[in-house]
Amino acid sequence: MRDGNQPQYGYGDFDRPLWTARDRDAAAIRQVLRRAGHREFTLGLAPGLAERHGGFVVEDGEAPATFLVARAGLRDGAAAGEARRYAEALTTAGYQVTPDPDGDRVLQVRR
């Protein structure tokens, strides 16, 4: 029997609790991007690191089973190029990736 105080799917990186299948799926996307050599924007999780380097963020999308992936942090004009590299890594890992209609710096990601 599962203890109600423990996350159903355990813990992800930075000891993030994975309470739901959505949390678990977002953690899997983060893991793919980190394994491909991309840095995560971790403001509040790793003080000072995000401000210096920027990185990717993974958020819930509006459609079911969809996540949004974007580059956050530094404003160096490289966000669109970085989004293309994120798309390559995610596609290679078996995800469906499409540009978000609201901008070229954001990707819609589905398993």
Foldseek 3Di string as FASTA:
>chain_A
DDDPVAAPVFAAPLRHRNNDVVSVVQSVLVVLCVVLPWDAQDDVSDPPPCQVPWTKDWADDPDPQKIKIFTDHDPPVCLLVVVVVSCVSLVVVPWDWDADPVDSRMIIIHD
